[in-house]
Amino acid sequence: FDMLRALGFTHVQQLRTNVTVQLGPFAVTPREAL
């Protein structure tokens, strides 16, 4: 995330499994991989 910010991105967020991100009509939920 430090490198992404160093690349210049101003809105960088770490995802957590089973915590939904709501963006307009989208609900995106990371799920746990093996």
PDB file of all heavy atoms in Angstrom:
ATOM      1  N   PHE A   1       0.831  -1.198   0.000  1.00  0.00           N
ATOM      2  CA  PHE A   1       0.000   0.000   0.000  1.00  0.00           C
ATOM      3  C   PHE A   1       0.872   1.258   0.000  1.00  0.00           C
ATOM      4  O   PHE A   1       0.518   2.266  -0.623  1.00  0.00           O
ATOM      5  CB  PHE A   1      -0.948  -0.039   1.201  1.00  0.00           C
ATOM      6  CG  PHE A   1      -1.850  -1.246   1.184  1.00  0.00           C
ATOM      7  CD1 PHE A   1      -1.528  -2.377   1.910  1.00  0.00           C
ATOM      8  CD2 PHE A   1      -2.992  -1.263   0.397  1.00  0.00           C
ATOM      9  CE1 PHE A   1      -2.340  -3.501   1.871  1.00  0.00           C
ATOM     10  CE2 PHE A   1      -3.810  -2.379   0.348  1.00  0.00           C
ATOM     11  CZ  PHE A   1      -3.479  -3.502   1.090  1.00  0.00           C
ATOM     12  N   ASP A   2       2.014   1.189   0.659  1.00  0.00           N
ATOM     13  CA  ASP A   2       2.960   2.304   0.598  1.00  0.00           C
ATOM     14  C   ASP A   2       3.442   2.513  -0.833  1.00  0.00           C
ATOM     15  O   ASP A   2       3.575   3.664  -1.289  1.00  0.00           O
ATOM     16  CB  ASP A   2       4.156   2.031   1.515  1.00  0.00           C
ATOM     17  CG  ASP A   2       3.795   2.071   2.995  1.00  0.00           C
ATOM     18  OD1 ASP A   2       2.757   2.672   3.338  1.00  0.00           O
ATOM     19  OD2 ASP A   2       4.542   1.482   3.799  1.00  0.00           O
ATOM     20  N   MET A   3       3.709   1.414  -1.551  1.00  0.00           N
ATOM     21  CA  MET A   3       4.179   1.541  -2.931  1.00  0.00           C
ATOM     22  C   MET A   3       3.082   2.097  -3.829  1.00  0.00           C
ATOM     23  O   MET A   3       3.348   2.902  -4.735  1.00  0.00           O
ATOM     24  CB  MET A   3       4.684   0.192  -3.440  1.00  0.00           C
ATOM     25  CG  MET A   3       6.039  -0.200  -2.886  1.00  0.00           C
ATOM     26  SD  MET A   3       6.809  -1.599  -3.753  1.00  0.00           S
ATOM     27  CE  MET A   3       5.845  -2.977  -3.107  1.00  0.00           C
ATOM     28  N   LEU A   4       1.832   1.674  -3.619  1.00  0.00           N
ATOM     29  CA  LEU A   4       0.731   2.212  -4.417  1.00  0.00           C
ATOM     30  C   LEU A   4       0.590   3.715  -4.197  1.00  0.00           C
ATOM     31  O   LEU A   4       0.357   4.474  -5.151  1.00  0.00           O
ATOM     32  CB  LEU A   4      -0.573   1.498  -4.059  1.00  0.00           C
ATOM     33  CG  LEU A   4      -0.723   0.073  -4.600  1.00  0.00           C
ATOM     34  CD1 LEU A   4      -1.878  -0.643  -3.909  1.00  0.00           C
ATOM     35  CD2 LEU A   4      -0.950   0.087  -6.109  1.00  0.00           C
ATOM     36  N   ARG A   5       0.757   4.134  -2.956  1.00  0.00           N
ATOM     37  CA  ARG A   5       0.692   5.576  -2.680  1.00  0.00           C
ATOM     38  C   ARG A   5       1.888   6.295  -3.300  1.00  0.00           C
ATOM     39  O   ARG A   5       1.750   7.416  -3.821  1.00  0.00           O
ATOM     40  CB  ARG A   5       0.634   5.809  -1.170  1.00  0.00           C
ATOM     41  CG  ARG A   5      -0.651   5.265  -0.527  1.00  0.00           C
ATOM     42  CD  ARG A   5      -0.721   5.585   0.960  1.00  0.00           C
ATOM     43  NE  ARG A   5      -1.886   4.951   1.568  1.00  0.00           N
ATOM     44  CZ  ARG A   5      -1.845   3.813   2.264  1.00  0.00           C
ATOM     45  NH1 ARG A   5      -0.675   3.194   2.462  1.00  0.00           N
ATOM     46  NH2 ARG A   5      -2.956   3.293   2.770  1.00  0.00           N
ATOM     47  N   ALA A   6       3.049   5.651  -3.279  1.00  0.00           N
ATOM     48  CA  ALA A   6       4.231   6.257  -3.903  1.00  0.00           C
ATOM     49  C   ALA A   6       4.056   6.376  -5.410  1.00  0.00           C
ATOM     50  O   ALA A   6       4.621   7.286  -6.039  1.00  0.00           O
ATOM     51  CB  ALA A   6       5.478   5.432  -3.567  1.00  0.00           C
ATOM     52  N   LEU A   7       3.263   5.486  -5.991  1.00  0.00           N
ATOM     53  CA  LEU A   7       2.958   5.582  -7.424  1.00  0.00           C
ATOM     54  C   LEU A   7       2.038   6.759  -7.700  1.00  0.00           C
ATOM     55  O   LEU A   7       1.899   7.172  -8.856  1.00  0.00           O
ATOM     56  CB  LEU A   7       2.323   4.265  -7.903  1.00  0.00           C
ATOM     57  CG  LEU A   7       2.093   4.086  -9.394  1.00  0.00           C
ATOM     58  CD1 LEU A   7       3.400   4.204 -10.178  1.00  0.00           C
ATOM     59  CD2 LEU A   7       1.438   2.724  -9.676  1.00  0.00           C
ATOM     60  N   GLY A   8       1.392   7.267  -6.667  1.00  0.00           N
ATOM     61  CA  GLY A   8       0.585   8.470  -6.824  1.00  0.00           C
ATOM     62  C   GLY A   8      -0.888   8.308  -6.528  1.00  0.00           C
ATOM     63  O   GLY A   8      -1.643   9.285  -6.580  1.00  0.00           O
ATOM     64  N   PHE A   9      -1.330   7.104  -6.209  1.00  0.00           N
ATOM     65  CA  PHE A   9      -2.758   6.900  -5.956  1.00  0.00           C
ATOM     66  C   PHE A   9      -3.127   7.455  -4.590  1.00  0.00           C
ATOM     67  O   PHE A   9      -2.441   7.224  -3.587  1.00  0.00           O
ATOM     68  CB  PHE A   9      -3.111   5.411  -6.076  1.00  0.00           C
ATOM     69  CG  PHE A   9      -3.116   4.933  -7.495  1.00  0.00           C
ATOM     70  CD1 PHE A   9      -1.994   4.308  -8.036  1.00  0.00           C
ATOM     71  CD2 PHE A   9      -4.210   5.148  -8.319  1.00  0.00           C
ATOM     72  CE1 PHE A   9      -1.978   3.889  -9.354  1.00  0.00           C
ATOM     73  CE2 PHE A   9      -4.204   4.740  -9.645  1.00  0.00           C
ATOM     74  CZ  PHE A   9      -3.085   4.102 -10.160  1.00  0.00           C
ATOM     75  N   THR A  10      -4.233   8.196  -4.582  1.00  0.00           N
ATOM     76  CA  THR A  10      -4.610   8.936  -3.381  1.00  0.00           C
ATOM     77  C   THR A  10      -5.661   8.232  -2.542  1.00  0.00           C
ATOM     78  O   THR A  10      -5.878   8.615  -1.391  1.00  0.00           O
ATOM     79  CB  THR A  10      -5.130  10.332  -3.776  1.00  0.00           C
ATOM     80  OG1 THR A  10      -6.215  10.183  -4.716  1.00  0.00           O
ATOM     81  CG2 THR A  10      -4.021  11.154  -4.414  1.00  0.00           C
ATOM     82  N   HIS A  11      -6.332   7.233  -3.109  1.00  0.00           N
ATOM     83  CA  HIS A  11      -7.362   6.492  -2.366  1.00  0.00           C
ATOM     84  C   HIS A  11      -7.015   5.001  -2.434  1.00  0.00           C
ATOM     85  O   HIS A  11      -7.407   4.298  -3.369  1.00  0.00           O
ATOM     86  CB  HIS A  11      -8.749   6.746  -2.958  1.00  0.00           C
ATOM     87  CG  HIS A  11      -9.129   8.191  -3.002  1.00  0.00           C
ATOM     88  ND1 HIS A  11      -9.500   8.904  -1.881  1.00  0.00           N
ATOM     89  CD2 HIS A  11      -9.184   9.072  -4.031  1.00  0.00           C
ATOM     90  CE1 HIS A  11      -9.777  10.151  -2.219  1.00  0.00           C
ATOM     91  NE2 HIS A  11      -9.589  10.280  -3.518  1.00  0.00           N
ATOM     92  N   VAL A  12      -6.257   4.546  -1.461  1.00  0.00           N
ATOM     93  CA  VAL A  12      -5.784   3.169  -1.421  1.00  0.00           C
ATOM     94  C   VAL A  12      -6.316   2.526  -0.138  1.00  0.00           C
ATOM     95  O   VAL A  12      -6.075   3.055   0.956  1.00  0.00           O
ATOM     96  CB  VAL A  12      -4.242   3.096  -1.449  1.00  0.00           C
ATOM     97  CG1 VAL A  12      -3.770   1.657  -1.365  1.00  0.00           C
ATOM     98  CG2 VAL A  12      -3.712   3.781  -2.710  1.00  0.00           C
ATOM     99  N   GLN A  13      -7.021   1.406  -0.283  1.00  0.00           N
ATOM    100  CA  GLN A  13      -7.621   0.777   0.880  1.00  0.00           C
ATOM    101  C   GLN A  13      -7.323  -0.713   0.898  1.00  0.00           C
ATOM    102  O   GLN A  13      -7.341  -1.370  -0.148  1.00  0.00           O
ATOM    103  CB  GLN A  13      -9.134   1.000   0.901  1.00  0.00           C
ATOM    104  CG  GLN A  13      -9.528   2.469   1.029  1.00  0.00           C
ATOM    105  CD  GLN A  13     -10.993   2.641   1.332  1.00  0.00           C
ATOM    106  OE1 GLN A  13     -11.562   1.941   2.154  1.00  0.00           O
ATOM    107  NE2 GLN A  13     -11.613   3.598   0.649  1.00  0.00           N
ATOM    108  N   GLN A  14      -7.089  -1.235   2.083  1.00  0.00           N
ATOM    109  CA  GLN A  14      -6.838  -2.661   2.273  1.00  0.00           C
ATOM    110  C   GLN A  14      -8.157  -3.394   2.455  1.00  0.00           C
ATOM    111  O   GLN A  14      -8.995  -3.010   3.278  1.00  0.00           O
ATOM    112  CB  GLN A  14      -5.947  -2.873   3.500  1.00  0.00           C
ATOM    113  CG  GLN A  14      -5.550  -4.315   3.734  1.00  0.00           C
ATOM    114  CD  GLN A  14      -4.633  -4.457   4.940  1.00  0.00           C
ATOM    115  OE1 GLN A  14      -4.669  -3.659   5.864  1.00  0.00           O
ATOM    116  NE2 GLN A  14      -3.805  -5.487   4.921  1.00  0.00           N
ATOM    117  N   LEU A  15      -8.356  -4.454   1.675  1.00  0.00           N
ATOM    118  CA  LEU A  15      -9.576  -5.253   1.770  1.00  0.00           C
ATOM    119  C   LEU A  15      -9.476  -6.260   2.903  1.00  0.00           C
ATOM    120  O   LEU A  15      -8.395  -6.792   3.200  1.00  0.00           O
ATOM    121  CB  LEU A  15      -9.824  -5.993   0.456  1.00  0.00           C
ATOM    122  CG  LEU A  15     -10.192  -5.127  -0.749  1.00  0.00           C
ATOM    123  CD1 LEU A  15     -10.156  -5.979  -2.022  1.00  0.00           C
ATOM    124  CD2 LEU A  15     -11.563  -4.482  -0.581  1.00  0.00           C
ATOM    125  N   ARG A  16     -10.604  -6.536   3.517  1.00  0.00           N
ATOM    126  CA  ARG A  16     -10.730  -7.583   4.522  1.00  0.00           C
ATOM    127  C   ARG A  16     -11.757  -8.590   4.032  1.00  0.00           C
ATOM    128  O   ARG A  16     -12.787  -8.202   3.463  1.00  0.00           O
ATOM    129  CB  ARG A  16     -11.182  -7.000   5.866  1.00  0.00           C
ATOM    130  CG  ARG A  16     -10.315  -5.866   6.392  1.00  0.00           C
ATOM    131  CD  ARG A  16      -8.962  -6.345   6.869  1.00  0.00           C
ATOM    132  NE  ARG A  16      -8.184  -5.266   7.479  1.00  0.00           N
ATOM    133  CZ  ARG A  16      -6.936  -5.397   7.894  1.00  0.00           C
ATOM    134  NH1 ARG A  16      -6.315  -6.558   7.790  1.00  0.00           N
ATOM    135  NH2 ARG A  16      -6.294  -4.371   8.426  1.00  0.00           N
ATOM    136  N   THR A  17     -11.472  -9.870   4.249  1.00  0.00           N
ATOM    137  CA  THR A  17     -12.434 -10.881   3.819  1.00  0.00           C
ATOM    138  C   THR A  17     -13.752 -10.700   4.564  1.00  0.00           C
ATOM    139  O   THR A  17     -13.780 -10.373   5.752  1.00  0.00           O
ATOM    140  CB  THR A  17     -11.901 -12.304   4.043  1.00  0.00           C
ATOM    141  OG1 THR A  17     -11.506 -12.455   5.405  1.00  0.00           O
ATOM    142  CG2 THR A  17     -10.714 -12.581   3.142  1.00  0.00           C
ATOM    143  N   ASN A  18     -14.827 -10.894   3.813  1.00  0.00           N
ATOM    144  CA  ASN A  18     -16.209 -10.844   4.313  1.00  0.00           C
ATOM    145  C   ASN A  18     -16.665  -9.443   4.716  1.00  0.00           C
ATOM    146  O   ASN A  18     -17.725  -9.291   5.333  1.00  0.00           O
ATOM    147  CB  ASN A  18     -16.407 -11.814   5.483  1.00  0.00           C
ATOM    148  CG  ASN A  18     -16.036 -13.233   5.114  1.00  0.00           C
ATOM    149  OD1 ASN A  18     -16.360 -13.710   4.034  1.00  0.00           O
ATOM    150  ND2 ASN A  18     -15.318 -13.915   6.003  1.00  0.00           N
ATOM    151  N   VAL A  19     -15.874  -8.421   4.372  1.00  0.00           N
ATOM    152  CA  VAL A  19     -16.269  -7.032   4.602  1.00  0.00           C
ATOM    153  C   VAL A  19     -16.608  -6.417   3.250  1.00  0.00           C
ATOM    154  O   VAL A  19     -15.742  -6.278   2.383  1.00  0.00           O
ATOM    155  CB  VAL A  19     -15.153  -6.239   5.298  1.00  0.00           C
ATOM    156  CG1 VAL A  19     -15.586  -4.781   5.476  1.00  0.00           C
ATOM    157  CG2 VAL A  19     -14.813  -6.856   6.644  1.00  0.00           C
ATOM    158  N   THR A  20     -17.866  -6.058   3.062  1.00  0.00           N
ATOM    159  CA  THR A  20     -18.363  -5.623   1.761  1.00  0.00           C
ATOM    160  C   THR A  20     -18.018  -4.171   1.480  1.00  0.00           C
ATOM    161  O   THR A  20     -18.095  -3.307   2.368  1.00  0.00           O
ATOM    162  CB  THR A  20     -19.891  -5.813   1.689  1.00  0.00           C
ATOM    163  OG1 THR A  20     -20.200  -7.192   1.875  1.00  0.00           O
ATOM    164  CG2 THR A  20     -20.448  -5.347   0.355  1.00  0.00           C
ATOM    165  N   VAL A  21     -17.636  -3.905   0.234  1.00  0.00           N
ATOM    166  CA  VAL A  21     -17.431  -2.546  -0.263  1.00  0.00           C
ATOM    167  C   VAL A  21     -18.621  -2.197  -1.147  1.00  0.00           C
ATOM    168  O   VAL A  21     -18.912  -2.906  -2.120  1.00  0.00           O
ATOM    169  CB  VAL A  21     -16.120  -2.426  -1.063  1.00  0.00           C
ATOM    170  CG1 VAL A  21     -15.978  -1.020  -1.640  1.00  0.00           C
ATOM    171  CG2 VAL A  21     -14.922  -2.771  -0.189  1.00  0.00           C
ATOM    172  N   GLN A  22     -19.314  -1.118  -0.827  1.00  0.00           N
ATOM    173  CA  GLN A  22     -20.480  -0.688  -1.598  1.00  0.00           C
ATOM    174  C   GLN A  22     -20.085   0.486  -2.484  1.00  0.00           C
ATOM    175  O   GLN A  22     -19.581   1.515  -2.001  1.00  0.00           O
ATOM    176  CB  GLN A  22     -21.609  -0.276  -0.661  1.00  0.00           C
ATOM    177  CG  GLN A  22     -22.939  -0.053  -1.363  1.00  0.00           C
ATOM    178  CD  GLN A  22     -23.624  -1.359  -1.760  1.00  0.00           C
ATOM    179  OE1 GLN A  22     -23.707  -2.293  -0.956  1.00  0.00           O
ATOM    180  NE2 GLN A  22     -24.125  -1.422  -2.992  1.00  0.00           N
ATOM    181  N   LEU A  23     -20.279   0.326  -3.783  1.00  0.00           N
ATOM    182  CA  LEU A  23     -19.982   1.377  -4.756  1.00  0.00           C
ATOM    183  C   LEU A  23     -21.160   1.492  -5.711  1.00  0.00           C
ATOM    184  O   LEU A  23     -21.302   0.688  -6.642  1.00  0.00           O
ATOM    185  CB  LEU A  23     -18.706   1.053  -5.543  1.00  0.00           C
ATOM    186  CG  LEU A  23     -17.366   1.231  -4.833  1.00  0.00           C
ATOM    187  CD1 LEU A  23     -16.268   0.558  -5.626  1.00  0.00           C
ATOM    188  CD2 LEU A  23     -17.059   2.709  -4.664  1.00  0.00           C
ATOM    189  N   GLY A  24     -22.032   2.484  -5.479  1.00  0.00           N
ATOM    190  CA  GLY A  24     -23.204   2.614  -6.333  1.00  0.00           C
ATOM    191  C   GLY A  24     -24.001   1.329  -6.345  1.00  0.00           C
ATOM    192  O   GLY A  24     -24.380   0.799  -5.290  1.00  0.00           O
ATOM    193  N   PRO A  25     -24.229   0.757  -7.536  1.00  0.00           N
ATOM    194  CA  PRO A  25     -25.021  -0.473  -7.606  1.00  0.00           C
ATOM    195  C   PRO A  25     -24.242  -1.726  -7.212  1.00  0.00           C
ATOM    196  O   PRO A  25     -24.815  -2.816  -7.141  1.00  0.00           O
ATOM    197  CB  PRO A  25     -25.410  -0.538  -9.088  1.00  0.00           C
ATOM    198  CG  PRO A  25     -24.284   0.159  -9.792  1.00  0.00           C
ATOM    199  CD  PRO A  25     -23.838   1.256  -8.869  1.00  0.00           C
ATOM    200  N   PHE A  26     -22.935  -1.586  -6.949  1.00  0.00           N
ATOM    201  CA  PHE A  26     -22.087  -2.753  -6.699  1.00  0.00           C
ATOM    202  C   PHE A  26     -21.888  -2.991  -5.200  1.00  0.00           C
ATOM    203  O   PHE A  26     -21.614  -2.070  -4.436  1.00  0.00           O
ATOM    204  CB  PHE A  26     -20.702  -2.569  -7.336  1.00  0.00           C
ATOM    205  CG  PHE A  26     -20.697  -2.688  -8.827  1.00  0.00           C
ATOM    206  CD1 PHE A  26     -20.721  -1.549  -9.624  1.00  0.00           C
ATOM    207  CD2 PHE A  26     -20.679  -3.937  -9.436  1.00  0.00           C
ATOM    208  CE1 PHE A  26     -20.713  -1.650 -11.001  1.00  0.00           C
ATOM    209  CE2 PHE A  26     -20.670  -4.048 -10.818  1.00  0.00           C
ATOM    210  CZ  PHE A  26     -20.691  -2.906 -11.604  1.00  0.00           C
ATOM    211  N   ALA A  27     -22.005  -4.271  -4.826  1.00  0.00           N
ATOM    212  CA  ALA A  27     -21.586  -4.742  -3.512  1.00  0.00           C
ATOM    213  C   ALA A  27     -20.514  -5.790  -3.757  1.00  0.00           C
ATOM    214  O   ALA A  27     -20.795  -6.883  -4.275  1.00  0.00           O
ATOM    215  CB  ALA A  27     -22.748  -5.331  -2.740  1.00  0.00           C
ATOM    216  N   VAL A  28     -19.263  -5.452  -3.417  1.00  0.00           N
ATOM    217  CA  VAL A  28     -18.127  -6.334  -3.671  1.00  0.00           C
ATOM    218  C   VAL A  28     -17.620  -6.845  -2.318  1.00  0.00           C
ATOM    219  O   VAL A  28     -17.221  -6.053  -1.460  1.00  0.00           O
ATOM    220  CB  VAL A  28     -17.000  -5.605  -4.419  1.00  0.00           C
ATOM    221  CG1 VAL A  28     -15.827  -6.551  -4.669  1.00  0.00           C
ATOM    222  CG2 VAL A  28     -17.516  -5.027  -5.733  1.00  0.00           C
ATOM    223  N   THR A  29     -17.628  -8.180  -2.176  1.00  0.00           N
ATOM    224  CA  THR A  29     -17.215  -8.784  -0.914  1.00  0.00           C
ATOM    225  C   THR A  29     -16.043  -9.716  -1.151  1.00  0.00           C
ATOM    226  O   THR A  29     -16.182 -10.731  -1.842  1.00  0.00           O
ATOM    227  CB  THR A  29     -18.369  -9.576  -0.282  1.00  0.00           C
ATOM    228  OG1 THR A  29     -19.526  -8.759  -0.193  1.00  0.00           O
ATOM    229  CG2 THR A  29     -17.980 -10.059   1.112  1.00  0.00           C
ATOM    230  N   PRO A  30     -14.874  -9.400  -0.607  1.00  0.00           N
ATOM    231  CA  PRO A  30     -13.761 -10.349  -0.706  1.00  0.00           C
ATOM    232  C   PRO A  30     -14.086 -11.611   0.100  1.00  0.00           C
ATOM    233  O   PRO A  30     -14.603 -11.524   1.217  1.00  0.00           O
ATOM    234  CB  PRO A  30     -12.587  -9.588  -0.083  1.00  0.00           C
ATOM    235  CG  PRO A  30     -13.001  -8.151  -0.061  1.00  0.00           C
ATOM    236  CD  PRO A  30     -14.482  -8.160   0.084  1.00  0.00           C
ATOM    237  N   ARG A  31     -13.774 -12.758  -0.468  1.00  0.00           N
ATOM    238  CA  ARG A  31     -13.983 -14.031   0.215  1.00  0.00           C
ATOM    239  C   ARG A  31     -12.643 -14.722   0.401  1.00  0.00           C
ATOM    240  O   ARG A  31     -11.712 -14.550  -0.381  1.00  0.00           O
ATOM    241  CB  ARG A  31     -14.942 -14.926  -0.581  1.00  0.00           C
ATOM    242  CG  ARG A  31     -16.347 -14.346  -0.734  1.00  0.00           C
ATOM    243  CD  ARG A  31     -17.029 -14.126   0.596  1.00  0.00           C
ATOM    244  NE  ARG A  31     -18.414 -13.667   0.447  1.00  0.00           N
ATOM    245  CZ  ARG A  31     -19.192 -13.306   1.455  1.00  0.00           C
ATOM    246  NH1 ARG A  31     -18.709 -13.323   2.696  1.00  0.00           N
ATOM    247  NH2 ARG A  31     -20.432 -12.900   1.237  1.00  0.00           N
ATOM    248  N   GLU A  32     -12.566 -15.534   1.436  1.00  0.00           N
ATOM    249  CA  GLU A  32     -11.304 -16.150   1.826  1.00  0.00           C
ATOM    250  C   GLU A  32     -10.896 -17.262   0.875  1.00  0.00           C
ATOM    251  O   GLU A  32     -11.668 -18.183   0.608  1.00  0.00           O
ATOM    252  CB  GLU A  32     -11.423 -16.702   3.247  1.00  0.00           C
ATOM    253  CG  GLU A  32     -10.135 -17.297   3.789  1.00  0.00           C
ATOM    254  CD  GLU A  32     -10.292 -17.810   5.207  1.00  0.00           C
ATOM    255  OE1 GLU A  32     -11.312 -17.479   5.840  1.00  0.00           O
ATOM    256  OE2 GLU A  32      -9.402 -18.542   5.672  1.00  0.00           O
ATOM    257  N   ALA A  33      -9.682 -17.192   0.369  1.00  0.00           N
ATOM    258  CA  ALA A  33      -9.114 -18.246  -0.466  1.00  0.00           C
ATOM    259  C   ALA A  33      -8.394 -19.260   0.410  1.00  0.00           C
ATOM    260  O   ALA A  33      -8.196 -19.047   1.610  1.00  0.00           O
ATOM    261  CB  ALA A  33      -8.152 -17.648  -1.480  1.00  0.00           C
ATOM    262  N   LEU A  34      -8.017 -20.376  -0.195  1.00  0.00           N
ATOM    263  CA  LEU A  34      -7.335 -21.423   0.562  1.00  0.00           C
ATOM    264  C   LEU A  34      -6.026 -20.901   1.148  1.00  0.00           C
ATOM    265  O   LEU A  34      -5.705 -21.168   2.304  1.00  0.00           O
ATOM    266  CB  LEU A  34      -7.078 -22.637  -0.340  1.00  0.00           C
ATOM    267  CG  LEU A  34      -6.443 -23.851   0.336  1.00  0.00           C
ATOM    268  CD1 LEU A  34      -7.337 -24.397   1.440  1.00  0.00           C
ATOM    269  CD2 LEU A  34      -6.158 -24.941  -0.695  1.00  0.00           C
TER     270      LEU A  34
END
